[in-house]
Amino acid sequence: MILPEGIELKDIARVYPSAVIEHEGIETSVSLEWFEEKKNEVQLKGYELIFISKSGQRKGIFFPDFEEMMQALEKIYLLLKEST
């Protein structure tokens, strides 16, 4: 599993899945819950795992497909679990 540049496994404070949407020409990441509520009003571009480091740095990895993102999240969870 490749982590975002500048983020090491030992430095991860949080990881969460998000949807990448476009609305009125602006592309942004939103929570999956928000996307489910507003999916008829926005255009889905893909998905992103958002990594927050212990120092507060935020980085993401883009996935075109929900299942692929969730598989990556599971691998990261297992790596984090093994490292503690």
PDB file of N, CA and C in Angstrom:
ATOM      1  N   MET A   1       0.853  -1.193   0.000  1.00  0.00           N
ATOM      2  CA  MET A   1       0.000   0.000   0.000  1.00  0.00           C
ATOM      3  C   MET A   1       0.880   1.230   0.000  1.00  0.00           C
ATOM      4  N   ILE A   2       0.618   2.100  -0.903  1.00  0.00           N
ATOM      5  CA  ILE A   2       1.355   3.358  -0.989  1.00  0.00           C
ATOM      6  C   ILE A   2       0.575   4.421  -0.230  1.00  0.00           C
ATOM      7  N   LEU A   3       1.240   5.041   0.720  1.00  0.00           N
ATOM      8  CA  LEU A   3       0.636   6.149   1.454  1.00  0.00           C
ATOM      9  C   LEU A   3       0.924   7.439   0.705  1.00  0.00           C
ATOM     10  N   PRO A   4       0.141   8.473   0.962  1.00  0.00           N
ATOM     11  CA  PRO A   4       0.427   9.757   0.308  1.00  0.00           C
ATOM     12  C   PRO A   4       1.830  10.239   0.661  1.00  0.00           C
ATOM     13  N   GLU A   5       2.447  10.920  -0.267  1.00  0.00           N
ATOM     14  CA  GLU A   5       3.785  11.468  -0.034  1.00  0.00           C
ATOM     15  C   GLU A   5       3.770  12.353   1.206  1.00  0.00           C
ATOM     16  N   GLY A   6       4.753  12.135   2.074  1.00  0.00           N
ATOM     17  CA  GLY A   6       4.859  12.947   3.279  1.00  0.00           C
ATOM     18  C   GLY A   6       4.122  12.381   4.475  1.00  0.00           C
ATOM     19  N   ILE A   7       3.422  11.260   4.306  1.00  0.00           N
ATOM     20  CA  ILE A   7       2.693  10.635   5.414  1.00  0.00           C
ATOM     21  C   ILE A   7       3.274   9.241   5.639  1.00  0.00           C
ATOM     22  N   GLU A   8       3.728   8.997   6.854  1.00  0.00           N
ATOM     23  CA  GLU A   8       4.224   7.671   7.213  1.00  0.00           C
ATOM     24  C   GLU A   8       3.207   6.996   8.118  1.00  0.00           C
ATOM     25  N   LEU A   9       3.194   5.673   8.087  1.00  0.00           N
ATOM     26  CA  LEU A   9       2.236   4.901   8.866  1.00  0.00           C
ATOM     27  C   LEU A   9       2.231   5.330  10.331  1.00  0.00           C
ATOM     28  N   LYS A  10       3.408   5.509  10.914  1.00  0.00           N
ATOM     29  CA  LYS A  10       3.513   5.866  12.340  1.00  0.00           C
ATOM     30  C   LYS A  10       2.975   7.267  12.636  1.00  0.00           C
ATOM     31  N   ASP A  11       2.816   8.092  11.609  1.00  0.00           N
ATOM     32  CA  ASP A  11       2.362   9.470  11.798  1.00  0.00           C
ATOM     33  C   ASP A  11       0.860   9.660  11.587  1.00  0.00           C
ATOM     34  N   ILE A  12       0.156   8.600  11.212  1.00  0.00           N
ATOM     35  CA  ILE A  12      -1.271   8.736  10.902  1.00  0.00           C
ATOM     36  C   ILE A  12      -2.082   8.875  12.184  1.00  0.00           C
ATOM     37  N   ALA A  13      -2.866   9.940  12.254  1.00  0.00           N
ATOM     38  CA  ALA A  13      -3.775  10.161  13.379  1.00  0.00           C
ATOM     39  C   ALA A  13      -5.184   9.691  13.017  1.00  0.00           C
ATOM     40  N   ARG A  14      -5.595   9.954  11.764  1.00  0.00           N
ATOM     41  CA  ARG A  14      -6.940   9.575  11.305  1.00  0.00           C
ATOM     42  C   ARG A  14      -6.904   9.278   9.819  1.00  0.00           C
ATOM     43  N   VAL A  15      -7.784   8.377   9.405  1.00  0.00           N
ATOM     44  CA  VAL A  15      -8.009   8.093   7.987  1.00  0.00           C
ATOM     45  C   VAL A  15      -9.514   8.005   7.814  1.00  0.00           C
ATOM     46  N   TYR A  16     -10.028   8.686   6.799  1.00  0.00           N
ATOM     47  CA  TYR A  16     -11.461   8.546   6.560  1.00  0.00           C
ATOM     48  C   TYR A  16     -11.767   8.594   5.071  1.00  0.00           C
ATOM     49  N   PRO A  17     -12.807   7.864   4.679  1.00  0.00           N
ATOM     50  CA  PRO A  17     -13.214   7.839   3.275  1.00  0.00           C
ATOM     51  C   PRO A  17     -14.077   9.045   2.947  1.00  0.00           C
ATOM     52  N   SER A  18     -13.999   9.484   1.703  1.00  0.00           N
ATOM     53  CA  SER A  18     -14.826  10.610   1.263  1.00  0.00           C
ATOM     54  C   SER A  18     -15.195  10.437  -0.202  1.00  0.00           C
ATOM     55  N   ALA A  19     -16.176  11.199  -0.625  1.00  0.00           N
ATOM     56  CA  ALA A  19     -16.558  11.261  -2.037  1.00  0.00           C
ATOM     57  C   ALA A  19     -15.974  12.545  -2.618  1.00  0.00           C
ATOM     58  N   VAL A  20     -15.504  12.467  -3.848  1.00  0.00           N
ATOM     59  CA  VAL A  20     -15.008  13.658  -4.547  1.00  0.00           C
ATOM     60  C   VAL A  20     -16.107  14.069  -5.514  1.00  0.00           C
ATOM     61  N   ILE A  21     -16.592  15.294  -5.343  1.00  0.00           N
ATOM     62  CA  ILE A  21     -17.712  15.771  -6.155  1.00  0.00           C
ATOM     63  C   ILE A  21     -17.340  17.061  -6.877  1.00  0.00           C
ATOM     64  N   GLU A  22     -18.141  17.362  -7.889  1.00  0.00           N
ATOM     65  CA  GLU A  22     -18.042  18.662  -8.546  1.00  0.00           C
ATOM     66  C   GLU A  22     -19.418  19.296  -8.476  1.00  0.00           C
ATOM     67  N   HIS A  23     -19.434  20.557  -8.067  1.00  0.00           N
ATOM     68  CA  HIS A  23     -20.685  21.311  -7.980  1.00  0.00           C
ATOM     69  C   HIS A  23     -20.387  22.753  -8.355  1.00  0.00           C
ATOM     70  N   GLU A  24     -21.089  23.244  -9.349  1.00  0.00           N
ATOM     71  CA  GLU A  24     -20.911  24.618  -9.835  1.00  0.00           C
ATOM     72  C   GLU A  24     -19.452  24.903 -10.176  1.00  0.00           C
ATOM     73  N   GLY A  25     -18.785  23.921 -10.791  1.00  0.00           N
ATOM     74  CA  GLY A  25     -17.415  24.100 -11.245  1.00  0.00           C
ATOM     75  C   GLY A  25     -16.343  23.927 -10.189  1.00  0.00           C
ATOM     76  N   ILE A  26     -16.746  23.620  -8.975  1.00  0.00           N
ATOM     77  CA  ILE A  26     -15.786  23.442  -7.885  1.00  0.00           C
ATOM     78  C   ILE A  26     -15.715  21.966  -7.519  1.00  0.00           C
ATOM     79  N   GLU A  27     -14.486  21.430  -7.463  1.00  0.00           N
ATOM     80  CA  GLU A  27     -14.268  20.039  -7.077  1.00  0.00           C
ATOM     81  C   GLU A  27     -13.776  19.999  -5.638  1.00  0.00           C
ATOM     82  N   THR A  28     -14.394  19.125  -4.827  1.00  0.00           N
ATOM     83  CA  THR A  28     -14.027  19.031  -3.416  1.00  0.00           C
ATOM     84  C   THR A  28     -14.366  17.655  -2.874  1.00  0.00           C
ATOM     85  N   SER A  29     -13.784  17.324  -1.729  1.00  0.00           N
ATOM     86  CA  SER A  29     -14.094  16.082  -1.022  1.00  0.00           C
ATOM     87  C   SER A  29     -15.163  16.373   0.020  1.00  0.00           C
ATOM     88  N   VAL A  30     -16.117  15.456   0.121  1.00  0.00           N
ATOM     89  CA  VAL A  30     -17.190  15.580   1.107  1.00  0.00           C
ATOM     90  C   VAL A  30     -17.368  14.230   1.795  1.00  0.00           C
ATOM     91  N   SER A  31     -18.018  14.240   2.938  1.00  0.00           N
ATOM     92  CA  SER A  31     -18.264  12.977   3.634  1.00  0.00           C
ATOM     93  C   SER A  31     -19.187  12.100   2.792  1.00  0.00           C
ATOM     94  N   LEU A  32     -19.073  10.799   2.997  1.00  0.00           N
ATOM     95  CA  LEU A  32     -19.947   9.873   2.271  1.00  0.00           C
ATOM     96  C   LEU A  32     -21.408  10.112   2.638  1.00  0.00           C
ATOM     97  N   GLU A  33     -21.659  10.480   3.893  1.00  0.00           N
ATOM     98  CA  GLU A  33     -23.024  10.755   4.339  1.00  0.00           C
ATOM     99  C   GLU A  33     -23.598  11.972   3.602  1.00  0.00           C
ATOM    100  N   TRP A  34     -22.779  13.031   3.489  1.00  0.00           N
ATOM    101  CA  TRP A  34     -23.222  14.233   2.782  1.00  0.00           C
ATOM    102  C   TRP A  34     -23.528  13.891   1.331  1.00  0.00           C
ATOM    103  N   PHE A  35     -22.635  13.126   0.707  1.00  0.00           N
ATOM    104  CA  PHE A  35     -22.843  12.750  -0.688  1.00  0.00           C
ATOM    105  C   PHE A  35     -24.147  11.976  -0.861  1.00  0.00           C
ATOM    106  N   GLU A  36     -24.432  11.044   0.031  1.00  0.00           N
ATOM    107  CA  GLU A  36     -25.671  10.260  -0.078  1.00  0.00           C
ATOM    108  C   GLU A  36     -26.903  11.171  -0.032  1.00  0.00           C
ATOM    109  N   GLU A  37     -26.858  12.199   0.797  1.00  0.00           N
ATOM    110  CA  GLU A  37     -27.982  13.128   0.916  1.00  0.00           C
ATOM    111  C   GLU A  37     -28.127  14.033  -0.304  1.00  0.00           C
ATOM    112  N   LYS A  38     -27.012  14.400  -0.945  1.00  0.00           N
ATOM    113  CA  LYS A  38     -27.023  15.396  -2.021  1.00  0.00           C
ATOM    114  C   LYS A  38     -26.666  14.838  -3.393  1.00  0.00           C
ATOM    115  N   LYS A  39     -26.591  13.512  -3.543  1.00  0.00           N
ATOM    116  CA  LYS A  39     -26.065  12.934  -4.784  1.00  0.00           C
ATOM    117  C   LYS A  39     -26.847  13.320  -6.032  1.00  0.00           C
ATOM    118  N   ASN A  40     -28.084  13.708  -5.889  1.00  0.00           N
ATOM    119  CA  ASN A  40     -28.866  14.139  -7.053  1.00  0.00           C
ATOM    120  C   ASN A  40     -28.561  15.579  -7.464  1.00  0.00           C
ATOM    121  N   GLU A  41     -27.808  16.297  -6.629  1.00  0.00           N
ATOM    122  CA  GLU A  41     -27.513  17.706  -6.891  1.00  0.00           C
ATOM    123  C   GLU A  41     -26.069  17.960  -7.322  1.00  0.00           C
ATOM    124  N   VAL A  42     -25.220  16.932  -7.246  1.00  0.00           N
ATOM    125  CA  VAL A  42     -23.796  17.095  -7.534  1.00  0.00           C
ATOM    126  C   VAL A  42     -23.327  16.002  -8.484  1.00  0.00           C
ATOM    127  N   GLN A  43     -22.149  16.208  -9.062  1.00  0.00           N
ATOM    128  CA  GLN A  43     -21.563  15.208  -9.953  1.00  0.00           C
ATOM    129  C   GLN A  43     -20.442  14.479  -9.218  1.00  0.00           C
ATOM    130  N   LEU A  44     -20.536  13.159  -9.141  1.00  0.00           N
ATOM    131  CA  LEU A  44     -19.505  12.349  -8.502  1.00  0.00           C
ATOM    132  C   LEU A  44     -18.314  12.208  -9.434  1.00  0.00           C
ATOM    133  N   LYS A  45     -17.117  12.512  -8.922  1.00  0.00           N
ATOM    134  CA  LYS A  45     -15.882  12.374  -9.696  1.00  0.00           C
ATOM    135  C   LYS A  45     -15.109  11.123  -9.294  1.00  0.00           C
ATOM    136  N   GLY A  46     -15.300  10.658  -8.058  1.00  0.00           N
ATOM    137  CA  GLY A  46     -14.592   9.488  -7.546  1.00  0.00           C
ATOM    138  C   GLY A  46     -14.616   9.510  -6.030  1.00  0.00           C
ATOM    139  N   TYR A  47     -13.625   8.864  -5.450  1.00  0.00           N
ATOM    140  CA  TYR A  47     -13.551   8.738  -3.995  1.00  0.00           C
ATOM    141  C   TYR A  47     -12.129   9.039  -3.539  1.00  0.00           C
ATOM    142  N   GLU A  48     -11.988   9.371  -2.262  1.00  0.00           N
ATOM    143  CA  GLU A  48     -10.673   9.718  -1.745  1.00  0.00           C
ATOM    144  C   GLU A  48     -10.543   9.246  -0.304  1.00  0.00           C
ATOM    145  N   LEU A  49      -9.391   8.660   0.011  1.00  0.00           N
ATOM    146  CA  LEU A  49      -9.048   8.411   1.407  1.00  0.00           C
ATOM    147  C   LEU A  49      -8.278   9.626   1.884  1.00  0.00           C
ATOM    148  N   ILE A  50      -8.758  10.221   2.954  1.00  0.00           N
ATOM    149  CA  ILE A  50      -8.123  11.395   3.534  1.00  0.00           C
ATOM    150  C   ILE A  50      -7.300  10.936   4.740  1.00  0.00           C
ATOM    151  N   PHE A  51      -6.036  11.313   4.739  1.00  0.00           N
ATOM    152  CA  PHE A  51      -5.120  10.990   5.831  1.00  0.00           C
ATOM    153  C   PHE A  51      -4.816  12.273   6.591  1.00  0.00           C
ATOM    154  N   ILE A  52      -4.969  12.218   7.908  1.00  0.00           N
ATOM    155  CA  ILE A  52      -4.596  13.332   8.772  1.00  0.00           C
ATOM    156  C   ILE A  52      -3.437  12.841   9.633  1.00  0.00           C
ATOM    157  N   SER A  53      -2.311  13.542   9.553  1.00  0.00           N
ATOM    158  CA  SER A  53      -1.146  13.150  10.352  1.00  0.00           C
ATOM    159  C   SER A  53      -1.276  13.721  11.761  1.00  0.00           C
ATOM    160  N   LYS A  54      -0.464  13.223  12.650  1.00  0.00           N
ATOM    161  CA  LYS A  54      -0.465  13.713  14.032  1.00  0.00           C
ATOM    162  C   LYS A  54      -0.105  15.191  14.108  1.00  0.00           C
ATOM    163  N   SER A  55       0.614  15.696  13.105  1.00  0.00           N
ATOM    164  CA  SER A  55       0.971  17.121  13.073  1.00  0.00           C
ATOM    165  C   SER A  55      -0.116  17.969  12.403  1.00  0.00           C
ATOM    166  N   GLY A  56      -1.198  17.316  11.932  1.00  0.00           N
ATOM    167  CA  GLY A  56      -2.302  18.044  11.319  1.00  0.00           C
ATOM    168  C   GLY A  56      -2.239  18.146   9.809  1.00  0.00           C
ATOM    169  N   GLN A  57      -1.209  17.571   9.209  1.00  0.00           N
ATOM    170  CA  GLN A  57      -1.087  17.590   7.748  1.00  0.00           C
ATOM    171  C   GLN A  57      -2.192  16.726   7.143  1.00  0.00           C
ATOM    172  N   ARG A  58      -2.800  17.217   6.063  1.00  0.00           N
ATOM    173  CA  ARG A  58      -3.896  16.513   5.391  1.00  0.00           C
ATOM    174  C   ARG A  58      -3.460  16.159   3.978  1.00  0.00           C
ATOM    175  N   LYS A  59      -3.566  14.864   3.640  1.00  0.00           N
ATOM    176  CA  LYS A  59      -3.231  14.378   2.297  1.00  0.00           C
ATOM    177  C   LYS A  59      -4.294  13.372   1.891  1.00  0.00           C
ATOM    178  N   GLY A  60      -4.423  13.156   0.591  1.00  0.00           N
ATOM    179  CA  GLY A  60      -5.417  12.208   0.118  1.00  0.00           C
ATOM    180  C   GLY A  60      -4.918  11.346  -1.018  1.00  0.00           C
ATOM    181  N   ILE A  61      -5.585  10.201  -1.191  1.00  0.00           N
ATOM    182  CA  ILE A  61      -5.351   9.312  -2.329  1.00  0.00           C
ATOM    183  C   ILE A  61      -6.686   9.151  -3.045  1.00  0.00           C
ATOM    184  N   PHE A  62      -6.696   9.426  -4.347  1.00  0.00           N
ATOM    185  CA  PHE A  62      -7.910   9.360  -5.162  1.00  0.00           C
ATOM    186  C   PHE A  62      -8.140   7.940  -5.670  1.00  0.00           C
ATOM    187  N   PHE A  63      -9.412   7.528  -5.698  1.00  0.00           N
ATOM    188  CA  PHE A  63      -9.831   6.242  -6.256  1.00  0.00           C
ATOM    189  C   PHE A  63     -11.031   6.482  -7.166  1.00  0.00           C
ATOM    190  N   PRO A  64     -11.044   5.889  -8.347  1.00  0.00           N
ATOM    191  CA  PRO A  64     -12.184   6.065  -9.238  1.00  0.00           C
ATOM    192  C   PRO A  64     -13.404   5.249  -8.803  1.00  0.00           C
ATOM    193  N   ASP A  65     -13.194   4.327  -7.881  1.00  0.00           N
ATOM    194  CA  ASP A  65     -14.220   3.340  -7.561  1.00  0.00           C
ATOM    195  C   ASP A  65     -14.329   3.148  -6.033  1.00  0.00           C
ATOM    196  N   PHE A  66     -15.561   3.067  -5.534  1.00  0.00           N
ATOM    197  CA  PHE A  66     -15.824   2.941  -4.102  1.00  0.00           C
ATOM    198  C   PHE A  66     -15.200   1.674  -3.522  1.00  0.00           C
ATOM    199  N   GLU A  67     -15.387   0.541  -4.196  1.00  0.00           N
ATOM    200  CA  GLU A  67     -14.881  -0.733  -3.685  1.00  0.00           C
ATOM    201  C   GLU A  67     -13.358  -0.714  -3.553  1.00  0.00           C
ATOM    202  N   GLU A  68     -12.685  -0.131  -4.532  1.00  0.00           N
ATOM    203  CA  GLU A  68     -11.226  -0.035  -4.494  1.00  0.00           C
ATOM    204  C   GLU A  68     -10.774   0.804  -3.294  1.00  0.00           C
ATOM    205  N   MET A  69     -11.476   1.899  -3.039  1.00  0.00           N
ATOM    206  CA  MET A  69     -11.140   2.739  -1.892  1.00  0.00           C
ATOM    207  C   MET A  69     -11.337   1.970  -0.589  1.00  0.00           C
ATOM    208  N   MET A  70     -12.429   1.236  -0.477  1.00  0.00           N
ATOM    209  CA  MET A  70     -12.708   0.507   0.753  1.00  0.00           C
ATOM    210  C   MET A  70     -11.714  -0.629   0.972  1.00  0.00           C
ATOM    211  N   GLN A  71     -11.255  -1.272  -0.093  1.00  0.00           N
ATOM    212  CA  GLN A  71     -10.222  -2.307   0.032  1.00  0.00           C
ATOM    213  C   GLN A  71      -8.922  -1.691   0.541  1.00  0.00           C
ATOM    214  N   ALA A  72      -8.569  -0.529   0.022  1.00  0.00           N
ATOM    215  CA  ALA A  72      -7.365   0.166   0.482  1.00  0.00           C
ATOM    216  C   ALA A  72      -7.508   0.567   1.946  1.00  0.00           C
ATOM    217  N   LEU A  73      -8.682   1.037   2.334  1.00  0.00           N
ATOM    218  CA  LEU A  73      -8.923   1.425   3.724  1.00  0.00           C
ATOM    219  C   LEU A  73      -8.759   0.222   4.648  1.00  0.00           C
ATOM    220  N   GLU A  74      -9.258  -0.922   4.224  1.00  0.00           N
ATOM    221  CA  GLU A  74      -9.116  -2.138   5.028  1.00  0.00           C
ATOM    222  C   GLU A  74      -7.640  -2.517   5.191  1.00  0.00           C
ATOM    223  N   LYS A  75      -6.861  -2.425   4.114  1.00  0.00           N
ATOM    224  CA  LYS A  75      -5.423  -2.734   4.188  1.00  0.00           C
ATOM    225  C   LYS A  75      -4.712  -1.779   5.144  1.00  0.00           C
ATOM    226  N   ILE A  76      -5.057  -0.508   5.070  1.00  0.00           N
ATOM    227  CA  ILE A  76      -4.435   0.483   5.952  1.00  0.00           C
ATOM    228  C   ILE A  76      -4.814   0.209   7.401  1.00  0.00           C
ATOM    229  N   TYR A  77      -6.076  -0.127   7.631  1.00  0.00           N
ATOM    230  CA  TYR A  77      -6.529  -0.461   8.985  1.00  0.00           C
ATOM    231  C   TYR A  77      -5.717  -1.632   9.546  1.00  0.00           C
ATOM    232  N   LEU A  78      -5.528  -2.678   8.731  1.00  0.00           N
ATOM    233  CA  LEU A  78      -4.765  -3.842   9.188  1.00  0.00           C
ATOM    234  C   LEU A  78      -3.310  -3.472   9.472  1.00  0.00           C
ATOM    235  N   LEU A  79      -2.711  -2.636   8.620  1.00  0.00           N
ATOM    236  CA  LEU A  79      -1.335  -2.182   8.857  1.00  0.00           C
ATOM    237  C   LEU A  79      -1.236  -1.383  10.154  1.00  0.00           C
ATOM    238  N   LEU A  80      -2.205  -0.509  10.381  1.00  0.00           N
ATOM    239  CA  LEU A  80      -2.203   0.287  11.610  1.00  0.00           C
ATOM    240  C   LEU A  80      -2.387  -0.606  12.832  1.00  0.00           C
ATOM    241  N   LYS A  81      -3.269  -1.581  12.716  1.00  0.00           N
ATOM    242  CA  LYS A  81      -3.525  -2.507  13.820  1.00  0.00           C
ATOM    243  C   LYS A  81      -2.266  -3.310  14.148  1.00  0.00           C
ATOM    244  N   GLU A  82      -1.554  -3.769  13.119  1.00  0.00           N
ATOM    245  CA  GLU A  82      -0.325  -4.546  13.316  1.00  0.00           C
ATOM    246  C   GLU A  82       0.791  -3.702  13.930  1.00  0.00           C
ATOM    247  N   SER A  83       0.779  -2.417  13.659  1.00  0.00           N
ATOM    248  CA  SER A  83       1.876  -1.559  14.125  1.00  0.00           C
ATOM    249  C   SER A  83       1.701  -1.086  15.564  1.00  0.00           C
ATOM    250  N   THR A  84       0.559  -1.385  16.172  1.00  0.00           N
ATOM    251  CA  THR A  84       0.343  -0.935  17.562  1.00  0.00           C
ATOM    252  C   THR A  84       0.599  -2.039  18.552  1.00  0.00           C
TER     253      THR A  84
END
